[in-house]
Each structure stands twice: as C-alpha cells, then as structure tokens.
ModelCIF file with pLDDT and N, C-alpha, C, O atoms, coordinates in Angstrom:
data_MODEL
#
_entry.id   MODEL 
#
_entity.id                         1 
_entity.type                       polymer 
_entity.pdbx_number_of_molecules   1 
#
_entity_poly.entity_id                      1 
_entity_poly.type                           'polypeptide(L)' 
_entity_poly.nstd_linkage                   no 
_entity_poly.nstd_monomer                   no 
_entity_poly.pdbx_seq_one_letter_code       
;(UNK)(UNK)(UNK)(UNK)(UNK)(UNK)(UNK)(UNK)(UNK)(UNK)(UNK)(UNK)(UNK)(UNK)(UNK)(UNK)
(UNK)(UNK)(UNK)(UNK)(UNK)(UNK)(UNK)(UNK)(UNK)(UNK)(UNK)(UNK)(UNK)(UNK)(UNK)(UNK)
(UNK)(UNK)(UNK)(UNK)
;
_entity_poly.pdbx_seq_one_letter_code_can   XXXXXXXXXXXXXXXXXXXXXXXXXXXXXXXXXXXX 
_entity_poly.pdbx_strand_id                 A 
#
loop_
_entity_poly_seq.entity_id 
_entity_poly_seq.num 
_entity_poly_seq.mon_id 
_entity_poly_seq.hetero 
1 1  UNK n 
1 2  UNK n 
1 3  UNK n 
1 4  UNK n 
1 5  UNK n 
1 6  UNK n 
1 7  UNK n 
1 8  UNK n 
1 9  UNK n 
1 10 UNK n 
1 11 UNK n 
1 12 UNK n 
1 13 UNK n 
1 14 UNK n 
1 15 UNK n 
1 16 UNK n 
1 17 UNK n 
1 18 UNK n 
1 19 UNK n 
1 20 UNK n 
1 21 UNK n 
1 22 UNK n 
1 23 UNK n 
1 24 UNK n 
1 25 UNK n 
1 26 UNK n 
1 27 UNK n 
1 28 UNK n 
1 29 UNK n 
1 30 UNK n 
1 31 UNK n 
1 32 UNK n 
1 33 UNK n 
1 34 UNK n 
1 35 UNK n 
1 36 UNK n 
#
_struct_asym.id          A 
_struct_asym.entity_id   1 
#
loop_
_ma_qa_metric.id 
_ma_qa_metric.mode 
_ma_qa_metric.name 
_ma_qa_metric.software_group_id 
_ma_qa_metric.type 
1 global pLDDT . pLDDT 
2 local  pLDDT . pLDDT 
#
_ma_qa_metric_global.metric_id      1 
_ma_qa_metric_global.metric_value   95.03 
_ma_qa_metric_global.model_id       1 
_ma_qa_metric_global.ordinal_id     1 
#
loop_
_ma_qa_metric_local.label_asym_id 
_ma_qa_metric_local.label_comp_id 
_ma_qa_metric_local.label_seq_id 
_ma_qa_metric_local.metric_id 
_ma_qa_metric_local.metric_value 
_ma_qa_metric_local.model_id 
_ma_qa_metric_local.ordinal_id 
A UNK 1  2 96.00 1 1  
A UNK 2  2 97.00 1 2  
A UNK 3  2 98.00 1 3  
A UNK 4  2 98.00 1 4  
A UNK 5  2 96.00 1 5  
A UNK 6  2 91.00 1 6  
A UNK 7  2 90.00 1 7  
A UNK 8  2 97.00 1 8  
A UNK 9  2 98.00 1 9  
A UNK 10 2 97.00 1 10 
A UNK 11 2 96.00 1 11 
A UNK 12 2 97.00 1 12 
A UNK 13 2 96.00 1 13 
A UNK 14 2 97.00 1 14 
A UNK 15 2 97.00 1 15 
A UNK 16 2 98.00 1 16 
A UNK 17 2 98.00 1 17 
A UNK 18 2 97.00 1 18 
A UNK 19 2 98.00 1 19 
A UNK 20 2 97.00 1 20 
A UNK 21 2 96.00 1 21 
A UNK 22 2 96.00 1 22 
A UNK 23 2 95.00 1 23 
A UNK 24 2 93.00 1 24 
A UNK 25 2 92.00 1 25 
A UNK 26 2 91.00 1 26 
A UNK 27 2 84.00 1 27 
A UNK 28 2 84.00 1 28 
A UNK 29 2 92.00 1 29 
A UNK 30 2 94.00 1 30 
A UNK 31 2 96.00 1 31 
A UNK 32 2 96.00 1 32 
A UNK 33 2 95.00 1 33 
A UNK 34 2 95.00 1 34 
A UNK 35 2 96.00 1 35 
A UNK 36 2 97.00 1 36 
#
loop_
_atom_site.group_PDB 
_atom_site.id 
_atom_site.type_symbol 
_atom_site.label_atom_id 
_atom_site.label_alt_id 
_atom_site.label_comp_id 
_atom_site.label_asym_id 
_atom_site.label_entity_id 
_atom_site.label_seq_id 
_atom_site.pdbx_PDB_ins_code 
_atom_site.Cartn_x 
_atom_site.Cartn_y 
_atom_site.Cartn_z 
_atom_site.occupancy 
_atom_site.B_iso_or_equiv 
_atom_site.pdbx_formal_charge 
_atom_site.auth_seq_id 
_atom_site.auth_comp_id 
_atom_site.auth_asym_id 
_atom_site.auth_atom_id 
_atom_site.pdbx_PDB_model_num 
ATOM 1   N N  . UNK A 1 1  ? -8.958  -5.060  10.709 1.00 96.00 ? 1  UNK A N  1 
ATOM 2   C CA . UNK A 1 1  ? -9.317  -4.856  9.416  1.00 96.00 ? 1  UNK A CA 1 
ATOM 3   C C  . UNK A 1 1  ? -9.237  -3.592  8.977  1.00 96.00 ? 1  UNK A C  1 
ATOM 4   O O  . UNK A 1 1  ? -10.320 -3.137  8.608  1.00 96.00 ? 1  UNK A O  1 
ATOM 5   N N  . UNK A 1 2  ? -7.816  -2.483  8.850  1.00 97.00 ? 2  UNK A N  1 
ATOM 6   C CA . UNK A 1 2  ? -7.882  -1.399  8.247  1.00 97.00 ? 2  UNK A CA 1 
ATOM 7   C C  . UNK A 1 2  ? -6.540  -1.201  7.615  1.00 97.00 ? 2  UNK A C  1 
ATOM 8   O O  . UNK A 1 2  ? -5.435  -1.604  7.980  1.00 97.00 ? 2  UNK A O  1 
ATOM 9   N N  . UNK A 1 3  ? -6.932  -0.419  6.485  1.00 98.00 ? 3  UNK A N  1 
ATOM 10  C CA . UNK A 1 3  ? -5.616  -0.134  5.645  1.00 98.00 ? 3  UNK A CA 1 
ATOM 11  C C  . UNK A 1 3  ? -6.019  1.364   5.897  1.00 98.00 ? 3  UNK A C  1 
ATOM 12  O O  . UNK A 1 3  ? -7.135  1.838   6.111  1.00 98.00 ? 3  UNK A O  1 
ATOM 13  N N  . UNK A 1 4  ? -4.369  2.181   5.779  1.00 98.00 ? 4  UNK A N  1 
ATOM 14  C CA . UNK A 1 4  ? -4.673  3.647   6.086  1.00 98.00 ? 4  UNK A CA 1 
ATOM 15  C C  . UNK A 1 4  ? -3.283  4.079   5.315  1.00 98.00 ? 4  UNK A C  1 
ATOM 16  O O  . UNK A 1 4  ? -2.212  3.486   5.443  1.00 98.00 ? 4  UNK A O  1 
ATOM 17  N N  . UNK A 1 5  ? -3.465  4.966   4.680  1.00 96.00 ? 5  UNK A N  1 
ATOM 18  C CA . UNK A 1 5  ? -1.962  5.919   4.286  1.00 96.00 ? 5  UNK A CA 1 
ATOM 19  C C  . UNK A 1 5  ? -1.922  7.001   4.545  1.00 96.00 ? 5  UNK A C  1 
ATOM 20  O O  . UNK A 1 5  ? -2.809  7.761   4.154  1.00 96.00 ? 5  UNK A O  1 
ATOM 21  N N  . UNK A 1 6  ? -0.787  7.466   5.356  1.00 91.00 ? 6  UNK A N  1 
ATOM 22  C CA . UNK A 1 6  ? -0.556  8.733   6.034  1.00 91.00 ? 6  UNK A CA 1 
ATOM 23  C C  . UNK A 1 6  ? -1.707  9.080   6.943  1.00 91.00 ? 6  UNK A C  1 
ATOM 24  O O  . UNK A 1 6  ? -2.312  10.149  6.857  1.00 91.00 ? 6  UNK A O  1 
ATOM 25  N N  . UNK A 1 7  ? -2.051  7.911   8.027  1.00 90.00 ? 7  UNK A N  1 
ATOM 26  C CA . UNK A 1 7  ? -3.241  8.270   8.740  1.00 90.00 ? 7  UNK A CA 1 
ATOM 27  C C  . UNK A 1 7  ? -4.380  8.114   8.407  1.00 90.00 ? 7  UNK A C  1 
ATOM 28  O O  . UNK A 1 7  ? -5.265  7.800   9.203  1.00 90.00 ? 7  UNK A O  1 
ATOM 29  N N  . UNK A 1 8  ? -4.594  8.347   6.913  1.00 97.00 ? 8  UNK A N  1 
ATOM 30  C CA . UNK A 1 8  ? -6.150  8.233   6.389  1.00 97.00 ? 8  UNK A CA 1 
ATOM 31  C C  . UNK A 1 8  ? -6.579  7.107   6.370  1.00 97.00 ? 8  UNK A C  1 
ATOM 32  O O  . UNK A 1 8  ? -5.834  6.315   5.793  1.00 97.00 ? 8  UNK A O  1 
ATOM 33  N N  . UNK A 1 9  ? -7.570  6.662   6.806  1.00 98.00 ? 9  UNK A N  1 
ATOM 34  C CA . UNK A 1 9  ? -8.518  5.315   6.249  1.00 98.00 ? 9  UNK A CA 1 
ATOM 35  C C  . UNK A 1 9  ? -8.717  5.199   5.136  1.00 98.00 ? 9  UNK A C  1 
ATOM 36  O O  . UNK A 1 9  ? -9.207  6.167   4.555  1.00 98.00 ? 9  UNK A O  1 
ATOM 37  N N  . UNK A 1 10 ? -8.458  4.123   4.474  1.00 97.00 ? 10 UNK A N  1 
ATOM 38  C CA . UNK A 1 10 ? -8.784  3.697   3.081  1.00 97.00 ? 10 UNK A CA 1 
ATOM 39  C C  . UNK A 1 10 ? -9.798  2.405   3.212  1.00 97.00 ? 10 UNK A C  1 
ATOM 40  O O  . UNK A 1 10 ? -9.489  1.327   3.722  1.00 97.00 ? 10 UNK A O  1 
ATOM 41  N N  . UNK A 1 11 ? -10.974 2.719   2.687  1.00 96.00 ? 11 UNK A N  1 
ATOM 42  C CA . UNK A 1 11 ? -12.027 1.768   2.729  1.00 96.00 ? 11 UNK A CA 1 
ATOM 43  C C  . UNK A 1 11 ? -11.621 0.335   1.712  1.00 96.00 ? 11 UNK A C  1 
ATOM 44  O O  . UNK A 1 11 ? -11.180 0.568   0.586  1.00 96.00 ? 11 UNK A O  1 
ATOM 45  N N  . UNK A 1 12 ? -11.762 -0.865  2.082  1.00 97.00 ? 12 UNK A N  1 
ATOM 46  C CA . UNK A 1 12 ? -11.736 -1.678  1.146  1.00 97.00 ? 12 UNK A CA 1 
ATOM 47  C C  . UNK A 1 12 ? -12.779 -2.707  1.357  1.00 97.00 ? 12 UNK A C  1 
ATOM 48  O O  . UNK A 1 12 ? -13.223 -3.004  2.466  1.00 97.00 ? 12 UNK A O  1 
ATOM 49  N N  . UNK A 1 13 ? -13.188 -3.295  0.110  1.00 96.00 ? 13 UNK A N  1 
ATOM 50  C CA . UNK A 1 13 ? -14.068 -4.333  0.017  1.00 96.00 ? 13 UNK A CA 1 
ATOM 51  C C  . UNK A 1 13 ? -13.691 -5.585  0.932  1.00 96.00 ? 13 UNK A C  1 
ATOM 52  O O  . UNK A 1 13 ? -12.551 -6.002  0.729  1.00 96.00 ? 13 UNK A O  1 
ATOM 53  N N  . UNK A 1 14 ? -14.446 -6.281  1.923  1.00 97.00 ? 14 UNK A N  1 
ATOM 54  C CA . UNK A 1 14 ? -13.875 -7.405  2.453  1.00 97.00 ? 14 UNK A CA 1 
ATOM 55  C C  . UNK A 1 14 ? -12.842 -8.349  1.747  1.00 97.00 ? 14 UNK A C  1 
ATOM 56  O O  . UNK A 1 14 ? -11.710 -8.522  2.198  1.00 97.00 ? 14 UNK A O  1 
ATOM 57  N N  . UNK A 1 15 ? -13.217 -8.828  0.833  1.00 97.00 ? 15 UNK A N  1 
ATOM 58  C CA . UNK A 1 15 ? -12.356 -9.936  0.180  1.00 97.00 ? 15 UNK A CA 1 
ATOM 59  C C  . UNK A 1 15 ? -10.945 -9.548  -0.527 1.00 97.00 ? 15 UNK A C  1 
ATOM 60  O O  . UNK A 1 15 ? -9.917  -10.199 -0.714 1.00 97.00 ? 15 UNK A O  1 
ATOM 61  N N  . UNK A 1 16 ? -11.353 -8.106  -0.866 1.00 98.00 ? 16 UNK A N  1 
ATOM 62  C CA . UNK A 1 16 ? -10.004 -7.188  -1.328 1.00 98.00 ? 16 UNK A CA 1 
ATOM 63  C C  . UNK A 1 16 ? -9.119  -7.146  -0.335 1.00 98.00 ? 16 UNK A C  1 
ATOM 64  O O  . UNK A 1 16 ? -7.978  -7.556  -0.546 1.00 98.00 ? 16 UNK A O  1 
ATOM 65  N N  . UNK A 1 17 ? -9.505  -6.620  0.979  1.00 98.00 ? 17 UNK A N  1 
ATOM 66  C CA . UNK A 1 17 ? -8.848  -6.640  2.130  1.00 98.00 ? 17 UNK A CA 1 
ATOM 67  C C  . UNK A 1 17 ? -8.096  -8.149  2.737  1.00 98.00 ? 17 UNK A C  1 
ATOM 68  O O  . UNK A 1 17 ? -7.017  -8.249  3.322  1.00 98.00 ? 17 UNK A O  1 
ATOM 69  N N  . UNK A 1 18 ? -9.156  -9.331  2.340  1.00 97.00 ? 18 UNK A N  1 
ATOM 70  C CA . UNK A 1 18 ? -8.524  -10.506 2.465  1.00 97.00 ? 18 UNK A CA 1 
ATOM 71  C C  . UNK A 1 18 ? -7.375  -10.871 1.622  1.00 97.00 ? 18 UNK A C  1 
ATOM 72  O O  . UNK A 1 18 ? -6.435  -11.490 2.122  1.00 97.00 ? 18 UNK A O  1 
ATOM 73  N N  . UNK A 1 19 ? -7.378  -10.629 0.727  1.00 98.00 ? 19 UNK A N  1 
ATOM 74  C CA . UNK A 1 19 ? -6.424  -10.860 -0.438 1.00 98.00 ? 19 UNK A CA 1 
ATOM 75  C C  . UNK A 1 19 ? -5.180  -10.284 -0.078 1.00 98.00 ? 19 UNK A C  1 
ATOM 76  O O  . UNK A 1 19 ? -4.135  -10.924 -0.194 1.00 98.00 ? 19 UNK A O  1 
ATOM 77  N N  . UNK A 1 20 ? -5.220  -8.941  0.418  1.00 97.00 ? 20 UNK A N  1 
ATOM 78  C CA . UNK A 1 20 ? -4.060  -7.938  0.645  1.00 97.00 ? 20 UNK A CA 1 
ATOM 79  C C  . UNK A 1 20 ? -3.293  -8.539  1.846  1.00 97.00 ? 20 UNK A C  1 
ATOM 80  O O  . UNK A 1 20 ? -2.086  -8.386  2.028  1.00 97.00 ? 20 UNK A O  1 
ATOM 81  N N  . UNK A 1 21 ? -4.288  -9.372  2.797  1.00 96.00 ? 21 UNK A N  1 
ATOM 82  C CA . UNK A 1 21 ? -3.826  -9.689  3.976  1.00 96.00 ? 21 UNK A CA 1 
ATOM 83  C C  . UNK A 1 21 ? -2.924  -10.933 3.534  1.00 96.00 ? 21 UNK A C  1 
ATOM 84  O O  . UNK A 1 21 ? -1.839  -11.132 4.081  1.00 96.00 ? 21 UNK A O  1 
ATOM 85  N N  . UNK A 1 22 ? -3.326  -11.613 2.706  1.00 96.00 ? 22 UNK A N  1 
ATOM 86  C CA . UNK A 1 22 ? -2.694  -12.568 2.325  1.00 96.00 ? 22 UNK A CA 1 
ATOM 87  C C  . UNK A 1 22 ? -1.190  -12.560 1.547  1.00 96.00 ? 22 UNK A C  1 
ATOM 88  O O  . UNK A 1 22 ? -0.272  -13.359 1.729  1.00 96.00 ? 22 UNK A O  1 
ATOM 89  N N  . UNK A 1 23 ? -1.227  -11.456 0.666  1.00 95.00 ? 23 UNK A N  1 
ATOM 90  C CA . UNK A 1 23 ? -0.214  -11.043 -0.009 1.00 95.00 ? 23 UNK A CA 1 
ATOM 91  C C  . UNK A 1 23 ? 0.687   -10.320 1.036  1.00 95.00 ? 23 UNK A C  1 
ATOM 92  O O  . UNK A 1 23 ? 1.889   -10.569 0.953  1.00 95.00 ? 23 UNK A O  1 
ATOM 93  N N  . UNK A 1 24 ? 0.303   -9.515  1.944  1.00 93.00 ? 24 UNK A N  1 
ATOM 94  C CA . UNK A 1 24 ? 1.325   -8.993  3.016  1.00 93.00 ? 24 UNK A CA 1 
ATOM 95  C C  . UNK A 1 24 ? 1.974   -10.426 3.875  1.00 93.00 ? 24 UNK A C  1 
ATOM 96  O O  . UNK A 1 24 ? 3.180   -10.390 4.116  1.00 93.00 ? 24 UNK A O  1 
ATOM 97  N N  . UNK A 1 25 ? 1.342   -11.416 4.236  1.00 92.00 ? 25 UNK A N  1 
ATOM 98  C CA . UNK A 1 25 ? 1.788   -12.271 4.959  1.00 92.00 ? 25 UNK A CA 1 
ATOM 99  C C  . UNK A 1 25 ? 2.654   -13.288 4.076  1.00 92.00 ? 25 UNK A C  1 
ATOM 100 O O  . UNK A 1 25 ? 3.154   -14.269 4.628  1.00 92.00 ? 25 UNK A O  1 
ATOM 101 N N  . UNK A 1 26 ? 2.811   -13.089 2.886  1.00 91.00 ? 26 UNK A N  1 
ATOM 102 C CA . UNK A 1 26 ? 3.503   -14.147 2.110  1.00 91.00 ? 26 UNK A CA 1 
ATOM 103 C C  . UNK A 1 26 ? 4.925   -13.859 2.125  1.00 91.00 ? 26 UNK A C  1 
ATOM 104 O O  . UNK A 1 26 ? 5.756   -14.590 1.588  1.00 91.00 ? 26 UNK A O  1 
ATOM 105 N N  . UNK A 1 27 ? 5.211   -12.728 2.778  1.00 84.00 ? 27 UNK A N  1 
ATOM 106 C CA . UNK A 1 27 ? 6.708   -12.565 2.710  1.00 84.00 ? 27 UNK A CA 1 
ATOM 107 C C  . UNK A 1 27 ? 7.302   -12.557 1.347  1.00 84.00 ? 27 UNK A C  1 
ATOM 108 O O  . UNK A 1 27 ? 8.422   -13.015 1.124  1.00 84.00 ? 27 UNK A O  1 
ATOM 109 N N  . UNK A 1 28 ? 6.574   -12.058 0.485  1.00 84.00 ? 28 UNK A N  1 
ATOM 110 C CA . UNK A 1 28 ? 7.096   -11.718 -0.776 1.00 84.00 ? 28 UNK A CA 1 
ATOM 111 C C  . UNK A 1 28 ? 7.220   -13.056 -1.661 1.00 84.00 ? 28 UNK A C  1 
ATOM 112 O O  . UNK A 1 28 ? 7.813   -13.022 -2.740 1.00 84.00 ? 28 UNK A O  1 
ATOM 113 N N  . UNK A 1 29 ? 6.713   -14.088 -1.228 1.00 92.00 ? 29 UNK A N  1 
ATOM 114 C CA . UNK A 1 29 ? 6.684   -15.425 -1.568 1.00 92.00 ? 29 UNK A CA 1 
ATOM 115 C C  . UNK A 1 29 ? 5.911   -15.489 -2.965 1.00 92.00 ? 29 UNK A C  1 
ATOM 116 O O  . UNK A 1 29 ? 4.830   -14.901 -2.931 1.00 92.00 ? 29 UNK A O  1 
ATOM 117 N N  . UNK A 1 30 ? 6.243   -16.087 -4.198 1.00 94.00 ? 30 UNK A N  1 
ATOM 118 C CA . UNK A 1 30 ? 5.220   -15.990 -5.238 1.00 94.00 ? 30 UNK A CA 1 
ATOM 119 C C  . UNK A 1 30 ? 3.994   -17.182 -5.068 1.00 94.00 ? 30 UNK A C  1 
ATOM 120 O O  . UNK A 1 30 ? 4.139   -18.390 -4.882 1.00 94.00 ? 30 UNK A O  1 
ATOM 121 N N  . UNK A 1 31 ? 2.797   -16.424 -5.195 1.00 96.00 ? 31 UNK A N  1 
ATOM 122 C CA . UNK A 1 31 ? 1.567   -17.494 -5.008 1.00 96.00 ? 31 UNK A CA 1 
ATOM 123 C C  . UNK A 1 31 ? 0.927   -17.573 -6.197 1.00 96.00 ? 31 UNK A C  1 
ATOM 124 O O  . UNK A 1 31 ? 0.913   -16.627 -6.984 1.00 96.00 ? 31 UNK A O  1 
ATOM 125 N N  . UNK A 1 32 ? 0.403   -18.593 -6.401 1.00 96.00 ? 32 UNK A N  1 
ATOM 126 C CA . UNK A 1 32 ? -0.225  -19.159 -7.335 1.00 96.00 ? 32 UNK A CA 1 
ATOM 127 C C  . UNK A 1 32 ? -1.749  -18.687 -7.443 1.00 96.00 ? 32 UNK A C  1 
ATOM 128 O O  . UNK A 1 32 ? -2.272  -18.200 -6.441 1.00 96.00 ? 32 UNK A O  1 
ATOM 129 N N  . UNK A 1 33 ? -2.451  -18.813 -8.590 1.00 95.00 ? 33 UNK A N  1 
ATOM 130 C CA . UNK A 1 33 ? -3.908  -18.272 -8.548 1.00 95.00 ? 33 UNK A CA 1 
ATOM 131 C C  . UNK A 1 33 ? -4.436  -18.990 -7.703 1.00 95.00 ? 33 UNK A C  1 
ATOM 132 O O  . UNK A 1 33 ? -4.772  -18.461 -6.643 1.00 95.00 ? 33 UNK A O  1 
ATOM 133 N N  . UNK A 1 34 ? -4.599  -19.977 -7.848 1.00 95.00 ? 34 UNK A N  1 
ATOM 134 C CA . UNK A 1 34 ? -5.153  -21.312 -6.822 1.00 95.00 ? 34 UNK A CA 1 
ATOM 135 C C  . UNK A 1 34 ? -5.012  -21.378 -5.395 1.00 95.00 ? 34 UNK A C  1 
ATOM 136 O O  . UNK A 1 34 ? -5.839  -21.747 -4.561 1.00 95.00 ? 34 UNK A O  1 
ATOM 137 N N  . UNK A 1 35 ? -3.692  -20.913 -5.222 1.00 96.00 ? 35 UNK A N  1 
ATOM 138 C CA . UNK A 1 35 ? -3.414  -20.723 -3.481 1.00 96.00 ? 35 UNK A CA 1 
ATOM 139 C C  . UNK A 1 35 ? -3.998  -19.457 -3.205 1.00 96.00 ? 35 UNK A C  1 
ATOM 140 O O  . UNK A 1 35 ? -4.589  -19.256 -2.144 1.00 96.00 ? 35 UNK A O  1 
ATOM 141 N N  . UNK A 1 36 ? -3.861  -18.488 -4.187 1.00 97.00 ? 36 UNK A N  1 
ATOM 142 C CA . UNK A 1 36 ? -4.842  -17.040 -3.462 1.00 97.00 ? 36 UNK A CA 1 
ATOM 143 C C  . UNK A 1 36 ? -6.265  -17.442 -3.632 1.00 97.00 ? 36 UNK A C  1 
ATOM 144 O O  . UNK A 1 36 ? -7.167  -16.695 -3.251 1.00 97.00 ? 36 UNK A O  1 
#
C-alpha cells in the first residue's frame, strides 16, 4: 500500500490509494462512475 516517485514515498489517503489501485488494474479500460 505504497506509492512512490523516484524512490520517495508519497502518502495517500486510504480511499485515494484504493481508487488508484482500481484505475491501475483496469488496464486502461474506461470505468463508469458507478463502477468506480
């Protein structure tokens, strides 16, 4: 549960992190608001 940039950890709120995981795992698929 870690986001980093050039080795530096970037803190994220839990739900923002969860949203980022959903987007990253979508493989570029368009996701509706409801699905997100």
